[in-house]
C-alpha atoms as a PDB file:
ATOM      1  CA  THR A   1      -7.985  -9.047  29.852  1.00  0.00           C
ATOM      2  CA  PRO A   2      -9.539  -8.506  26.416  1.00  0.00           C
ATOM      3  CA  GLY A   3      -7.365 -11.282  24.980  1.00  0.00           C
ATOM      4  CA  VAL A   4      -8.753 -13.809  27.440  1.00  0.00           C
ATOM      5  CA  VAL A   5     -12.277 -12.874  26.369  1.00  0.00           C
ATOM      6  CA  ALA A   6     -11.548 -12.565  22.627  1.00  0.00           C
ATOM      7  CA  PHE A   7     -10.229 -16.049  21.986  1.00  0.00           C
ATOM      8  CA  PRO A   8     -13.213 -18.057  23.335  1.00  0.00           C
ATOM      9  CA  ALA A   9     -15.612 -15.583  21.704  1.00  0.00           C
ATOM     10  CA  ALA A  10     -13.854 -16.054  18.363  1.00  0.00           C
ATOM     11  CA  LEU A  11     -13.870 -19.814  18.738  1.00  0.00           C
ATOM     12  CA  GLY A  12     -17.592 -19.758  19.447  1.00  0.00           C
ATOM     13  CA  ALA A  13     -18.185 -17.555  16.417  1.00  0.00           C
ATOM     14  CA  ALA A  14     -16.065 -19.865  14.248  1.00  0.00           C
ATOM     15  CA  LEU A  15     -17.904 -23.068  15.199  1.00  0.00           C
ATOM     16  CA  PRO A  16     -20.640 -22.721  12.535  1.00  0.00           C
ATOM     17  CA  SER A  17     -17.974 -22.311   9.825  1.00  0.00           C
ATOM     18  CA  LEU A  18     -16.090 -25.321  11.128  1.00  0.00           C
ATOM     19  CA  PHE A  19     -19.300 -27.375  11.132  1.00  0.00           C
ATOM     20  CA  VAL A  20     -20.156 -26.315   7.563  1.00  0.00           C
ATOM     21  CA  ALA A  21     -16.600 -27.094   6.447  1.00  0.00           C
ATOM     22  CA  LEU A  22     -16.880 -30.576   7.953  1.00  0.00           C
ATOM     23  CA  LEU A  23     -20.152 -31.129   6.085  1.00  0.00           C
ATOM     24  CA  LEU A  24     -18.663 -29.848   2.821  1.00  0.00           C
ATOM     25  CA  ALA A  25     -15.715 -32.196   3.148  1.00  0.00           C
ATOM     26  CA  THR A  26     -17.620 -35.310   4.140  1.00  0.00           C
ATOM     27  CA  TRP A  27     -21.047 -35.124   2.524  1.00  0.00           C
ATOM     28  CA  PRO A  28     -20.793 -35.464  -1.264  1.00  0.00           C
ATOM     29  CA  ARG A  29     -24.464 -34.570  -1.718  1.00  0.00           C
ATOM     30  CA  LEU A  30     -23.679 -30.984  -0.743  1.00  0.00           C
ATOM     31  CA  ASP A  31     -23.040 -29.044  -3.912  1.00  0.00           C
ATOM     32  CA  VAL A  32     -19.829 -27.002  -3.920  1.00  0.00           C
ATOM     33  CA  ASP A  33     -20.112 -25.818  -7.522  1.00  0.00           C
ATOM     34  CA  ALA A  34     -20.898 -22.298  -6.294  1.00  0.00           C
ATOM     35  CA  PHE A  35     -17.344 -22.009  -4.952  1.00  0.00           C
ATOM     36  CA  TYR A  36     -16.075 -22.488  -8.526  1.00  0.00           C
ATOM     37  CA  PRO A  37     -18.454 -20.497 -10.747  1.00  0.00           C
ATOM     38  CA  ARG A  38     -18.412 -21.338 -14.434  1.00  0.00           C
ATOM     39  CA  ALA A  39     -20.773 -20.748 -17.286  1.00  0.00           C
ATOM     40  CA  PRO A  40     -23.486 -23.382 -16.997  1.00  0.00           C
ATOM     41  CA  ARG A  41     -23.730 -26.154 -19.534  1.00  0.00           C
ATOM     42  CA  ILE A  42     -26.811 -25.635 -21.590  1.00  0.00           C
ATOM     43  CA  ALA A  43     -28.998 -28.618 -22.322  1.00  0.00           C
ATOM     44  CA  THR A  44     -28.886 -29.419 -26.020  1.00  0.00           C
ATOM     45  CA  PHE A  45     -31.618 -30.807 -28.214  1.00  0.00           C
ATOM     46  CA  GLU A  46     -30.809 -33.039 -31.159  1.00  0.00           C
ATOM     47  CA  TRP A  47     -33.033 -34.069 -34.044  1.00  0.00           C
ATOM     48  CA  ASP A  48     -33.831 -37.749 -33.672  1.00  0.00           C
ATOM     49  CA  GLY A  49     -34.183 -38.158 -37.441  1.00  0.00           C
ATOM     50  CA  LYS A  50     -37.908 -38.911 -37.254  1.00  0.00           C
ATOM     51  CA  ASP A  51     -40.254 -36.413 -35.698  1.00  0.00           C
ATOM     52  CA  ALA A  52     -38.809 -34.899 -32.522  1.00  0.00           C
ATOM     53  CA  PHE A  53     -35.959 -33.032 -30.906  1.00  0.00           C
ATOM     54  CA  VAL A  54     -34.504 -34.976 -27.971  1.00  0.00           C
ATOM     55  CA  SER A  55     -32.495 -33.774 -24.962  1.00  0.00           C
ATOM     56  CA  ALA A  56     -30.667 -36.549 -23.149  1.00  0.00           C
ATOM     57  CA  GLU A  57     -29.607 -34.108 -20.401  1.00  0.00           C
ATOM     58  CA  LEU A  58     -33.212 -33.232 -19.590  1.00  0.00           C
ATOM     59  CA  GLY A  59     -34.770 -36.580 -20.469  1.00  0.00           C
ATOM     60  CA  VAL A  60     -37.412 -34.966 -22.729  1.00  0.00           C
ATOM     61  CA  LYS A  61     -38.358 -34.806 -26.373  1.00  0.00           C
ATOM     62  CA  VAL A  62     -40.254 -32.092 -28.184  1.00  0.00           C
ATOM     63  CA  GLY A  63     -42.570 -33.286 -30.940  1.00  0.00           C
ATOM     64  CA  PRO A  64     -44.016 -31.451 -33.933  1.00  0.00           C
ATOM     65  CA  ASP A  65     -46.851 -30.129 -31.778  1.00  0.00           C
ATOM     66  CA  GLY A  66     -44.340 -28.328 -29.539  1.00  0.00           C
ATOM     67  CA  GLU A  67     -45.181 -30.389 -26.468  1.00  0.00           C
ATOM     68  CA  ALA A  68     -42.313 -31.601 -24.282  1.00  0.00           C
ATOM     69  CA  ARG A  69     -42.720 -35.213 -23.236  1.00  0.00           C
ATOM     70  CA  PRO A  70     -40.522 -37.472 -21.106  1.00  0.00           C
ATOM     71  CA  THR A  71     -38.359 -39.781 -23.190  1.00  0.00           C
ATOM     72  CA  GLY A  72     -38.793 -42.600 -20.722  1.00  0.00           C
ATOM     73  CA  ASP A  73     -35.063 -42.619 -20.146  1.00  0.00           C
ATOM     74  CA  GLU A  74     -33.807 -41.354 -16.846  1.00  0.00           C
ATOM     75  CA  ALA A  75     -31.994 -38.052 -17.115  1.00  0.00           C
ATOM     76  CA  PRO A  76     -28.382 -38.676 -16.170  1.00  0.00           C
ATOM     77  CA  ALA A  77     -27.681 -37.963 -12.524  1.00  0.00           C
ATOM     78  CA  SER A  78     -25.663 -34.840 -12.044  1.00  0.00           C
ATOM     79  CA  LYS A  79     -22.226 -35.554 -10.648  1.00  0.00           C
ATOM     80  CA  SER A  80     -21.267 -32.115  -9.484  1.00  0.00           C
ATOM     81  CA  ASP A  81     -17.729 -33.043  -8.387  1.00  0.00           C
ATOM     82  CA  GLU A  82     -16.797 -33.938 -11.979  1.00  0.00           C
ATOM     83  CA  SER A  83     -16.834 -30.263 -12.961  1.00  0.00           C
ATOM     84  CA  LEU A  84     -14.729 -29.198  -9.970  1.00  0.00           C
ATOM     85  CA  PRO A  85     -10.993 -28.630 -10.130  1.00  0.00           C
ATOM     86  CA  ARG A  86      -8.911 -31.399  -8.582  1.00  0.00           C
ATOM     87  CA  GLY A  87      -9.176 -31.146  -4.797  1.00  0.00           C
ATOM     88  CA  GLY A  88     -12.024 -28.669  -5.150  1.00  0.00           C
ATOM     89  CA  ARG A  89     -14.257 -30.088  -2.424  1.00  0.00           C
ATOM     90  CA  ALA A  90     -11.412 -30.261   0.112  1.00  0.00           C
ATOM     91  CA  SER A  91     -10.255 -26.755  -0.786  1.00  0.00           C
ATOM     92  CA  ALA A  92     -13.762 -25.338  -0.427  1.00  0.00           C
ATOM     93  CA  ALA A  93     -14.056 -26.981   2.992  1.00  0.00           C
ATOM     94  CA  GLY A  94     -10.593 -25.816   4.037  1.00  0.00           C
ATOM     95  CA  ALA A  95     -11.183 -22.243   2.903  1.00  0.00           C
ATOM     96  CA  THR A  96     -14.517 -22.200   4.748  1.00  0.00           C
ATOM     97  CA  ALA A  97     -12.941 -23.448   7.978  1.00  0.00           C
ATOM     98  CA  LEU A  98      -9.893 -21.185   7.787  1.00  0.00           C
ATOM     99  CA  ALA A  99     -11.799 -18.070   6.745  1.00  0.00           C
ATOM    100  CA  GLY A 100     -14.528 -18.628   9.330  1.00  0.00           C
ATOM    101  CA  THR A 101     -11.974 -18.995  12.098  1.00  0.00           C
ATOM    102  CA  ALA A 102      -9.755 -16.128  10.935  1.00  0.00           C
ATOM    103  CA  LEU A 103     -12.610 -13.682  10.395  1.00  0.00           C
ATOM    104  CA  ALA A 104     -14.177 -14.557  13.743  1.00  0.00           C
ATOM    105  CA  LEU A 105     -10.860 -13.951  15.511  1.00  0.00           C
ATOM    106  CA  LEU A 106     -10.351 -10.730  13.552  1.00  0.00           C
ATOM    107  CA  ALA A 107     -13.826  -9.479  14.452  1.00  0.00           C
ATOM    108  CA  SER A 108     -13.425 -10.353  18.118  1.00  0.00           C
ATOM    109  CA  ARG A 109     -10.130  -8.471  18.252  1.00  0.00           C
ATOM    110  CA  ALA A 110     -11.694  -5.462  16.553  1.00  0.00           C
ATOM    111  CA  VAL A 111     -14.736  -5.372  18.814  1.00  0.00           C
ATOM    112  CA  LEU A 112     -13.546  -6.637  22.197  1.00  0.00           C
ATOM    113  CA  ALA A 113      -9.957  -5.442  22.483  1.00  0.00           C
ATOM    114  CA  PRO A 114     -10.642  -1.740  21.858  1.00  0.00           C
ATOM    115  CA  SER A 115     -12.933  -1.479  24.860  1.00  0.00           C
ATOM    116  CA  LEU A 116      -9.965  -0.287  26.895  1.00  0.00           C
ATOM    117  CA  SER A 117      -8.563   2.012  24.175  1.00  0.00           C
ATOM    118  CA  ASP A 118      -9.211   5.615  23.232  1.00  0.00           C
ATOM    119  CA  GLN A 119     -11.587   6.443  20.356  1.00  0.00           C
ATOM    120  CA  ALA A 120      -8.908   7.088  17.728  1.00  0.00           C
ATOM    121  CA  ARG A 121      -7.158   3.814  18.438  1.00  0.00           C
ATOM    122  CA  THR A 122     -10.481   1.949  18.456  1.00  0.00           C
ATOM    123  CA  ARG A 123     -11.441   3.433  15.071  1.00  0.00           C
ATOM    124  CA  ARG A 124      -8.021   2.626  13.613  1.00  0.00           C
ATOM    125  CA  ARG A 125      -8.162  -0.958  14.870  1.00  0.00           C
ATOM    126  CA  ARG A 126     -11.632  -1.462  13.391  1.00  0.00           C
ATOM    127  CA  LEU A 127     -10.582   0.015  10.029  1.00  0.00           C
ATOM    128  CA  VAL A 128      -7.544  -2.264   9.923  1.00  0.00           C
ATOM    129  CA  ALA A 129      -9.764  -5.242  10.741  1.00  0.00           C
ATOM    130  CA  LEU A 130     -12.189  -4.247   7.991  1.00  0.00           C
ATOM    131  CA  ALA A 131      -9.345  -3.868   5.474  1.00  0.00           C
ATOM    132  CA  LEU A 132      -7.843  -7.230   6.430  1.00  0.00           C
ATOM    133  CA  GLY A 133     -11.209  -8.957   6.220  1.00  0.00           C
ATOM    134  CA  LEU A 134     -11.960  -7.449   2.810  1.00  0.00           C
ATOM    135  CA  ALA A 135      -8.499  -8.316   1.504  1.00  0.00           C
ATOM    136  CA  CYS A 136      -8.936 -11.911   2.666  1.00  0.00           C
ATOM    137  CA  ALA A 137     -12.413 -12.181   1.135  1.00  0.00           C
ATOM    138  CA  VAL A 138     -11.445 -10.637  -2.207  1.00  0.00           C
ATOM    139  CA  SER A 139      -8.261 -12.673  -2.582  1.00  0.00           C
ATOM    140  CA  THR A 140     -10.125 -15.865  -1.701  1.00  0.00           C
ATOM    141  CA  LEU A 141     -12.837 -15.013  -4.217  1.00  0.00           C
ATOM    142  CA  VAL A 142     -10.242 -14.352  -6.928  1.00  0.00           C
ATOM    143  CA  ALA A 143      -8.503 -17.640  -6.082  1.00  0.00           C
ATOM    144  CA  PHE A 144     -11.774 -19.567  -6.416  1.00  0.00           C
ATOM    145  CA  GLN A 145     -12.412 -17.860  -9.770  1.00  0.00           C
ATOM    146  CA  ALA A 146      -8.903 -18.734 -10.947  1.00  0.00           C
ATOM    147  CA  ALA A 147      -9.364 -22.338  -9.863  1.00  0.00           C
ATOM    148  CA  ALA A 148     -12.687 -22.522 -11.712  1.00  0.00           C
ATOM    149  CA  ALA A 149     -10.953 -21.276 -14.872  1.00  0.00           C
ATOM    150  CA  ARG A 150      -8.179 -23.846 -14.260  1.00  0.00           C
ATOM    151  CA  ILE A 151      -5.582 -21.067 -14.014  1.00  0.00           C
ATOM    152  CA  ALA A 152      -4.604 -21.894 -10.423  1.00  0.00           C
ATOM    153  CA  PRO A 153      -4.914 -24.988  -8.255  1.00  0.00           C
ATOM    154  CA  ALA A 154      -7.973 -25.240  -6.031  1.00  0.00           C
ATOM    155  CA  PHE A 155      -5.907 -25.138  -2.825  1.00  0.00           C
ATOM    156  CA  SER A 156      -4.844 -21.574  -3.665  1.00  0.00           C
ATOM    157  CA  ALA A 157      -8.193 -20.441  -2.234  1.00  0.00           C
ATOM    158  CA  THR A 158      -6.981 -21.488   1.217  1.00  0.00           C
ATOM    159  CA  ILE A 159      -3.821 -19.361   1.158  1.00  0.00           C
ATOM    160  CA  ALA A 160      -5.299 -15.965   2.119  1.00  0.00           C
ATOM    161  CA  PRO A 161      -7.446 -17.218   5.015  1.00  0.00           C
ATOM    162  CA  ALA A 162      -4.597 -19.399   6.268  1.00  0.00           C
ATOM    163  CA  ALA A 163      -2.163 -16.472   6.162  1.00  0.00           C
ATOM    164  CA  LEU A 164      -4.628 -14.219   7.980  1.00  0.00           C
ATOM    165  CA  LEU A 165      -5.272 -16.862  10.645  1.00  0.00           C
ATOM    166  CA  VAL A 166      -1.552 -17.472  11.211  1.00  0.00           C
ATOM    167  CA  ALA A 167      -0.872 -13.730  11.447  1.00  0.00           C
ATOM    168  CA  LEU A 168      -3.724 -13.275  13.915  1.00  0.00           C
ATOM    169  CA  LEU A 169      -2.686 -16.237  16.054  1.00  0.00           C
ATOM    170  CA  PHE A 170       0.939 -15.105  16.228  1.00  0.00           C
ATOM    171  CA  GLY A 171      -0.181 -11.559  16.950  1.00  0.00           C
ATOM    172  CA  TYR A 172      -2.539 -12.870  19.623  1.00  0.00           C
ATOM    173  CA  ARG A 173       0.221 -14.922  21.220  1.00  0.00           C
ATOM    174  CA  ASP A 174       2.715 -12.070  21.146  1.00  0.00           C
ATOM    175  CA  ARG A 175       0.294  -9.623  22.793  1.00  0.00           C
ATOM    176  CA  HIS A 176      -1.185 -11.954  25.366  1.00  0.00           C
ATOM    177  CA  GLU A 177       1.561 -14.328  26.429  1.00  0.00           C
ATOM    178  CA  LEU A 178       2.539 -14.230  30.052  1.00  0.00           C
ATOM    179  CA  GLU A 179       5.631 -12.230  30.810  1.00  0.00           C
ATOM    180  CA  PRO A 180       8.747 -14.384  31.337  1.00  0.00           C
ATOM    181  CA  ARG A 181       9.619 -14.804  34.995  1.00  0.00           C
END
């Protein structure tokens, strides 16, 4: 049946998202700032009181000749997680895993299941899948933006993909469970 084929295909399609989510959650060197876009901090230059403008963020000073020279001090290491909302890394990983799994299952249902349907039903199913996928993506994007602005908690970005995944899994189970004996 299409359901028997769709589930393993969706799981296979979701594996890269699950792998990336695992990396995001466990490898602090991976930058997740892009999930929470904010206006970048601009490096500032301050007059040192003698003969140069100094930027501690960049580790350079600009003298009267206009040349930028290293200050000799190390530029402070960027700690990207400091600018994230609380739980930001875990939420980015969770949203990646949930959305990757949900969208893969949604796509497999839209592509594989209609093979036995008429054209109108196939078109309708694909349009519904497209609408659900777009709604999930837009609401997740808005949630990440709200978390970056500190209007909503970071975990709110996981709500839409989690809801879509739960709806798809329950719908999958209801359509493809074995008939009671």
